[in-house]
Amino acid sequence: MIANRSEILALNSIRTPDGTVLTSKYADHHVCYKDKNGDDYAVGGGSEYLRRSINDIPFEELSIYADDEHEKVRTGFFWGTRGIDGKQTMEYKSIMELSCDHIDNILMLHVSPIYEEALWEEISYRIDKGFEVLEDGTEAPLDDEPLEDVVT
């Protein structure tokens, strides 16, 4: 059974009372932390499900869903990358950090419809705001070449 769009997690994360952010990146990734208040906090499930600890002093929920507004989604959808040559250590970048060329390459992979939609929304967002993201991660004003022509 396919989950409803509103049930699709982009980011599975909490903030503990002392301000520490815990994020689970994949289904069997469970993160535990002893807060300054002495309680143990935990998050798990990646983008598959929410697993939380039960605490006397509550945590702040930071999770982002695929159907949240794009301003949130662009910070919460992550893509694993090993660099341009594929030889670097795996690094996870939010879609807002990905260069236009990187997004173009991802879209050629025929990714899941949820990721594809988020990436196209990011392209539209950048066009509307008049900037692009370069390979070094910096933002630059759009040049004469329309971004729609850069991304296929």
C-alpha atoms as a PDB file:
ATOM      1  CA  MET A   1       0.000   0.000   0.000  1.00  0.00           C
ATOM      2  CA  ILE A   2       1.330   3.451  -0.907  1.00  0.00           C
ATOM      3  CA  ALA A   3       1.167   6.011   1.879  1.00  0.00           C
ATOM      4  CA  ASN A   4      -0.933   9.119   1.458  1.00  0.00           C
ATOM      5  CA  ARG A   5       1.186  12.076   0.377  1.00  0.00           C
ATOM      6  CA  SER A   6       0.666  13.714   3.796  1.00  0.00           C
ATOM      7  CA  GLU A   7       2.232  10.649   5.449  1.00  0.00           C
ATOM      8  CA  ILE A   8       5.496  10.781   3.491  1.00  0.00           C
ATOM      9  CA  LEU A   9       8.322  11.974   5.677  1.00  0.00           C
ATOM     10  CA  ALA A  10      11.036  14.192   4.256  1.00  0.00           C
ATOM     11  CA  LEU A  11      12.823  14.722   7.575  1.00  0.00           C
ATOM     12  CA  ASN A  12      12.495  12.738  10.833  1.00  0.00           C
ATOM     13  CA  SER A  13      13.844  14.979  13.559  1.00  0.00           C
ATOM     14  CA  ILE A  14      13.303  16.355  17.077  1.00  0.00           C
ATOM     15  CA  ARG A  15      14.882  19.052  19.279  1.00  0.00           C
ATOM     16  CA  THR A  16      15.522  18.091  22.910  1.00  0.00           C
ATOM     17  CA  PRO A  17      14.917  20.599  25.730  1.00  0.00           C
ATOM     18  CA  ASP A  18      18.619  21.577  25.814  1.00  0.00           C
ATOM     19  CA  GLY A  19      18.466  22.433  22.084  1.00  0.00           C
ATOM     20  CA  THR A  20      20.162  19.336  20.664  1.00  0.00           C
ATOM     21  CA  VAL A  21      18.689  18.236  17.311  1.00  0.00           C
ATOM     22  CA  LEU A  22      18.372  14.492  16.700  1.00  0.00           C
ATOM     23  CA  THR A  23      17.735  13.258  13.142  1.00  0.00           C
ATOM     24  CA  SER A  24      17.125   9.714  11.895  1.00  0.00           C
ATOM     25  CA  LYS A  25      18.322   9.347   8.289  1.00  0.00           C
ATOM     26  CA  TYR A  26      17.073   5.859   7.360  1.00  0.00           C
ATOM     27  CA  ALA A  27      14.711   3.166   8.680  1.00  0.00           C
ATOM     28  CA  ASP A  28      17.129   1.379  11.035  1.00  0.00           C
ATOM     29  CA  HIS A  29      18.946   4.548  12.091  1.00  0.00           C
ATOM     30  CA  HIS A  30      18.163   5.180  15.760  1.00  0.00           C
ATOM     31  CA  VAL A  31      19.730   8.160  17.507  1.00  0.00           C
ATOM     32  CA  CYS A  32      19.832   8.433  21.313  1.00  0.00           C
ATOM     33  CA  TYR A  33      20.977  11.332  23.457  1.00  0.00           C
ATOM     34  CA  LYS A  34      21.112  12.122  27.186  1.00  0.00           C
ATOM     35  CA  ASP A  35      19.752  15.643  27.558  1.00  0.00           C
ATOM     36  CA  LYS A  36      21.139  18.091  30.114  1.00  0.00           C
ATOM     37  CA  ASN A  37      17.936  17.474  32.107  1.00  0.00           C
ATOM     38  CA  GLY A  38      19.043  13.834  32.604  1.00  0.00           C
ATOM     39  CA  ASP A  39      16.387  12.259  30.349  1.00  0.00           C
ATOM     40  CA  ASP A  40      17.323  10.018  27.431  1.00  0.00           C
ATOM     41  CA  TYR A  41      15.793  11.129  24.119  1.00  0.00           C
ATOM     42  CA  ALA A  42      15.552   8.981  21.016  1.00  0.00           C
ATOM     43  CA  VAL A  43      14.429   9.258  17.404  1.00  0.00           C
ATOM     44  CA  GLY A  44      14.316   6.551  14.741  1.00  0.00           C
ATOM     45  CA  GLY A  45      12.696   5.338  11.541  1.00  0.00           C
ATOM     46  CA  GLY A  46      14.237   7.619   8.929  1.00  0.00           C
ATOM     47  CA  SER A  47      11.691   8.526   6.271  1.00  0.00           C
ATOM     48  CA  GLU A  48       9.809   5.241   6.846  1.00  0.00           C
ATOM     49  CA  TYR A  49       8.195   5.833  10.263  1.00  0.00           C
ATOM     50  CA  LEU A  50       8.401   7.931  13.445  1.00  0.00           C
ATOM     51  CA  ARG A  51       9.902   6.312  16.540  1.00  0.00           C
ATOM     52  CA  ARG A  52      10.195   8.507  19.615  1.00  0.00           C
ATOM     53  CA  SER A  53      11.126   8.220  23.269  1.00  0.00           C
ATOM     54  CA  ILE A  54       8.536   9.106  25.892  1.00  0.00           C
ATOM     55  CA  ASN A  55       9.815  11.797  28.218  1.00  0.00           C
ATOM     56  CA  ASP A  56       8.542  13.779  31.211  1.00  0.00           C
ATOM     57  CA  ILE A  57       9.860  16.956  29.606  1.00  0.00           C
ATOM     58  CA  PRO A  58       8.682  16.907  25.980  1.00  0.00           C
ATOM     59  CA  PHE A  59      10.835  17.410  22.892  1.00  0.00           C
ATOM     60  CA  GLU A  60      10.018  19.736  20.001  1.00  0.00           C
ATOM     61  CA  GLU A  61       8.892  17.928  16.838  1.00  0.00           C
ATOM     62  CA  LEU A  62      10.864  19.112  13.788  1.00  0.00           C
ATOM     63  CA  SER A  63       9.758  16.519  11.210  1.00  0.00           C
ATOM     64  CA  ILE A  64       8.909  17.705   7.714  1.00  0.00           C
ATOM     65  CA  TYR A  65       6.429  15.996   5.392  1.00  0.00           C
ATOM     66  CA  ALA A  66       6.480  15.947   1.590  1.00  0.00           C
ATOM     67  CA  ASP A  67       3.299  18.033   1.363  1.00  0.00           C
ATOM     68  CA  ASP A  68       4.515  20.812   3.672  1.00  0.00           C
ATOM     69  CA  GLU A  69       5.170  24.203   2.044  1.00  0.00           C
ATOM     70  CA  HIS A  70       8.235  24.183  -0.182  1.00  0.00           C
ATOM     71  CA  GLU A  71      10.175  26.552   2.123  1.00  0.00           C
ATOM     72  CA  LYS A  72      10.230  23.677   4.640  1.00  0.00           C
ATOM     73  CA  VAL A  73      10.547  20.800   2.168  1.00  0.00           C
ATOM     74  CA  ARG A  74      13.673  22.271   0.557  1.00  0.00           C
ATOM     75  CA  THR A  75      15.431  22.118   3.950  1.00  0.00           C
ATOM     76  CA  GLY A  76      14.207  18.615   4.802  1.00  0.00           C
ATOM     77  CA  PHE A  77      14.580  16.495   1.662  1.00  0.00           C
ATOM     78  CA  PHE A  78      18.126  15.131   1.550  1.00  0.00           C
ATOM     79  CA  TRP A  79      20.145  13.504  -1.194  1.00  0.00           C
ATOM     80  CA  GLY A  80      23.226  11.386  -0.547  1.00  0.00           C
ATOM     81  CA  THR A  81      26.216  12.335  -2.676  1.00  0.00           C
ATOM     82  CA  ARG A  82      29.801  11.189  -3.015  1.00  0.00           C
ATOM     83  CA  GLY A  83      30.910  14.295  -4.912  1.00  0.00           C
ATOM     84  CA  ILE A  84      31.260  14.980  -8.616  1.00  0.00           C
ATOM     85  CA  ASP A  85      33.708  12.109  -9.158  1.00  0.00           C
ATOM     86  CA  GLY A  86      31.853   9.689  -6.844  1.00  0.00           C
ATOM     87  CA  LYS A  87      34.951   9.087  -4.715  1.00  0.00           C
ATOM     88  CA  GLN A  88      34.265  11.274  -1.674  1.00  0.00           C
ATOM     89  CA  THR A  89      32.781  10.158   1.628  1.00  0.00           C
ATOM     90  CA  MET A  90      28.974  10.054   1.516  1.00  0.00           C
ATOM     91  CA  GLU A  91      27.514  13.427   2.416  1.00  0.00           C
ATOM     92  CA  TYR A  92      23.820  14.247   2.734  1.00  0.00           C
ATOM     93  CA  LYS A  93      22.705  17.590   1.295  1.00  0.00           C
ATOM     94  CA  SER A  94      19.290  19.193   1.401  1.00  0.00           C
ATOM     95  CA  ILE A  95      17.823  19.925  -2.011  1.00  0.00           C
ATOM     96  CA  MET A  96      18.324  23.635  -1.358  1.00  0.00           C
ATOM     97  CA  GLU A  97      22.107  22.990  -1.265  1.00  0.00           C
ATOM     98  CA  LEU A  98      22.271  21.048  -4.533  1.00  0.00           C
ATOM     99  CA  SER A  99      23.639  22.761  -7.618  1.00  0.00           C
ATOM    100  CA  CYS A 100      21.445  23.079 -10.684  1.00  0.00           C
ATOM    101  CA  ASP A 101      23.675  20.583 -12.518  1.00  0.00           C
ATOM    102  CA  HIS A 102      23.335  18.125  -9.634  1.00  0.00           C
ATOM    103  CA  ILE A 103      19.544  18.408  -9.697  1.00  0.00           C
ATOM    104  CA  ASP A 104      19.614  17.847 -13.464  1.00  0.00           C
ATOM    105  CA  ASN A 105      21.676  14.674 -12.981  1.00  0.00           C
ATOM    106  CA  ILE A 106      19.347  13.399 -10.250  1.00  0.00           C
ATOM    107  CA  LEU A 107      16.297  13.936 -12.449  1.00  0.00           C
ATOM    108  CA  MET A 108      17.920  11.849 -15.192  1.00  0.00           C
ATOM    109  CA  LEU A 109      18.028   8.920 -12.712  1.00  0.00           C
ATOM    110  CA  HIS A 110      14.240   8.575 -12.712  1.00  0.00           C
ATOM    111  CA  VAL A 111      13.885   8.981  -8.947  1.00  0.00           C
ATOM    112  CA  SER A 112      10.690   8.418  -6.971  1.00  0.00           C
ATOM    113  CA  PRO A 113       7.774  10.699  -7.902  1.00  0.00           C
ATOM    114  CA  ILE A 114       7.949  12.388  -4.488  1.00  0.00           C
ATOM    115  CA  TYR A 115      11.611  13.350  -4.973  1.00  0.00           C
ATOM    116  CA  GLU A 116      11.002  14.332  -8.580  1.00  0.00           C
ATOM    117  CA  GLU A 117       8.174  16.656  -7.560  1.00  0.00           C
ATOM    118  CA  ALA A 118      10.272  18.226  -4.783  1.00  0.00           C
ATOM    119  CA  LEU A 119      13.172  18.800  -7.186  1.00  0.00           C
ATOM    120  CA  TRP A 120      10.938  20.413  -9.823  1.00  0.00           C
ATOM    121  CA  GLU A 121       9.418  22.608  -7.100  1.00  0.00           C
ATOM    122  CA  GLU A 122      12.965  23.625  -6.122  1.00  0.00           C
ATOM    123  CA  ILE A 123      13.731  24.567  -9.728  1.00  0.00           C
ATOM    124  CA  SER A 124      10.550  26.681  -9.876  1.00  0.00           C
ATOM    125  CA  TYR A 125      11.410  28.253  -6.526  1.00  0.00           C
ATOM    126  CA  ARG A 126      14.859  29.283  -7.803  1.00  0.00           C
ATOM    127  CA  ILE A 127      13.430  30.693 -11.039  1.00  0.00           C
ATOM    128  CA  ASP A 128      10.824  32.692  -9.091  1.00  0.00           C
ATOM    129  CA  LYS A 129      13.490  34.032  -6.709  1.00  0.00           C
ATOM    130  CA  GLY A 130      15.966  34.692  -9.536  1.00  0.00           C
ATOM    131  CA  PHE A 131      18.960  32.664  -8.389  1.00  0.00           C
ATOM    132  CA  GLU A 132      20.825  29.448  -9.049  1.00  0.00           C
ATOM    133  CA  VAL A 133      23.085  27.321  -6.854  1.00  0.00           C
ATOM    134  CA  LEU A 134      26.593  26.741  -8.157  1.00  0.00           C
ATOM    135  CA  GLU A 135      28.758  23.615  -7.704  1.00  0.00           C
ATOM    136  CA  ASP A 136      30.513  25.202  -4.709  1.00  0.00           C
ATOM    137  CA  GLY A 137      27.140  25.669  -2.985  1.00  0.00           C
ATOM    138  CA  THR A 138      26.969  29.438  -3.388  1.00  0.00           C
ATOM    139  CA  GLU A 139      23.928  31.218  -4.726  1.00  0.00           C
ATOM    140  CA  ALA A 140      24.300  33.435  -7.781  1.00  0.00           C
ATOM    141  CA  PRO A 141      21.824  35.560  -9.744  1.00  0.00           C
ATOM    142  CA  LEU A 142      20.450  33.830 -12.806  1.00  0.00           C
ATOM    143  CA  ASP A 143      22.463  34.630 -15.918  1.00  0.00           C
ATOM    144  CA  ASP A 144      21.073  35.075 -19.423  1.00  0.00           C
ATOM    145  CA  GLU A 145      20.550  31.323 -19.853  1.00  0.00           C
ATOM    146  CA  PRO A 146      17.108  30.450 -18.440  1.00  0.00           C
ATOM    147  CA  LEU A 147      17.233  27.823 -15.675  1.00  0.00           C
ATOM    148  CA  GLU A 148      14.463  25.873 -17.440  1.00  0.00           C
ATOM    149  CA  ASP A 149      16.933  25.266 -20.287  1.00  0.00           C
ATOM    150  CA  VAL A 150      19.671  24.116 -17.903  1.00  0.00           C
ATOM    151  CA  VAL A 151      17.509  21.438 -16.293  1.00  0.00           C
ATOM    152  CA  THR A 152      16.025  18.896 -18.675  1.00  0.00           C
END
